[in-house]
Amino acid sequence: MLKRNGSEILRAEEVDHWRDILKLSENPTALEFAKAAKSAGDAVMYRMWTHVKSDPYDLSEQMSRETGK
């Protein structure tokens, strides 16, 4: 279970899944979790930006597995 100021943020099962995805330690703090989640989101946004910046920021509904565009 992930808590902040005594309040439950995520149940233990959810923490286990996110801990694996975000490559966190066994018992992450709420701050560690938040920083890792922010970094993961920033990485996705940066990847998208690299592919749309030259195409008048047109964002297609899907991304290609082969090219990333």
Protein backbone atom coordinates (compact mmCIF):
# COMPACT_ATOMS: atom_id res chain seq x y z
CA MET A 1 0.00 0.00 0.00
CA LEU A 2 1.29 3.46 -0.84
CA LYS A 3 0.32 6.16 1.62
CA ARG A 4 0.81 9.89 1.85
CA ASN A 5 0.00 11.76 5.06
CA GLY A 6 -1.76 8.65 6.33
CA SER A 7 -4.13 8.40 3.36
CA GLU A 8 -4.03 5.41 1.03
CA ILE A 9 -3.00 6.36 -2.51
CA LEU A 10 -2.74 2.87 -4.05
CA ARG A 11 -3.55 -0.63 -2.88
CA ALA A 12 -0.69 -3.14 -2.52
CA GLU A 13 -1.56 -4.95 -5.77
CA GLU A 14 -1.53 -1.69 -7.70
CA VAL A 15 1.78 -0.66 -6.16
CA ASP A 16 3.32 -3.99 -7.20
CA HIS A 17 2.29 -3.49 -10.83
CA TRP A 18 3.42 0.13 -10.99
CA ARG A 19 6.63 -0.63 -9.09
CA ASP A 20 7.58 -3.14 -11.80
CA ILE A 21 6.64 -0.81 -14.65
CA LEU A 22 8.45 2.19 -13.16
CA LYS A 23 11.40 0.10 -11.91
CA LEU A 24 11.05 1.25 -8.30
CA SER A 25 12.45 -0.24 -5.10
CA GLU A 26 10.47 -2.72 -2.96
CA ASN A 27 8.75 -0.07 -0.80
CA PRO A 28 8.70 3.21 -2.71
CA THR A 29 7.72 6.42 -0.98
CA ALA A 30 4.97 8.57 -2.45
CA LEU A 31 7.64 11.04 -3.59
CA GLU A 32 9.69 8.34 -5.35
CA PHE A 33 6.53 7.07 -7.01
CA ALA A 34 5.51 10.55 -8.16
CA LYS A 35 8.98 11.33 -9.56
CA ALA A 36 9.13 8.04 -11.46
CA ALA A 37 5.61 8.52 -12.86
CA LYS A 38 6.46 12.07 -13.96
CA SER A 39 9.65 10.90 -15.66
CA ALA A 40 7.78 8.13 -17.49
CA GLY A 41 5.12 10.58 -18.69
CA ASP A 42 7.77 13.09 -19.78
CA ALA A 43 9.52 10.35 -21.78
CA VAL A 44 6.31 9.53 -23.66
CA MET A 45 5.60 13.19 -24.38
CA TYR A 46 9.19 13.77 -25.59
CA ARG A 47 8.95 10.76 -27.92
CA MET A 48 5.71 12.10 -29.37
CA TRP A 49 7.16 15.60 -29.75
CA THR A 50 10.17 14.31 -31.71
CA HIS A 51 7.81 12.85 -34.31
CA VAL A 52 5.28 15.67 -34.61
CA LYS A 53 7.49 18.77 -34.45
CA SER A 54 8.28 18.62 -38.17
CA ASP A 55 4.70 17.83 -39.17
CA PRO A 56 2.92 21.03 -37.94
CA TYR A 57 2.35 19.24 -34.62
CA ASP A 58 -0.24 16.99 -36.24
CA LEU A 59 -0.84 14.13 -33.82
CA SER A 60 -2.22 10.97 -35.38
CA GLU A 61 -4.39 8.61 -33.41
CA GLN A 62 -1.82 5.80 -33.53
CA MET A 63 1.94 5.39 -33.44
CA SER A 64 3.86 3.05 -35.73
CA ARG A 65 5.74 0.22 -34.02
CA GLU A 66 8.32 0.23 -36.82
CA THR A 67 9.14 3.93 -37.06
CA GLY A 68 7.74 5.37 -33.84
CA LYS A 69 5.91 8.03 -35.85
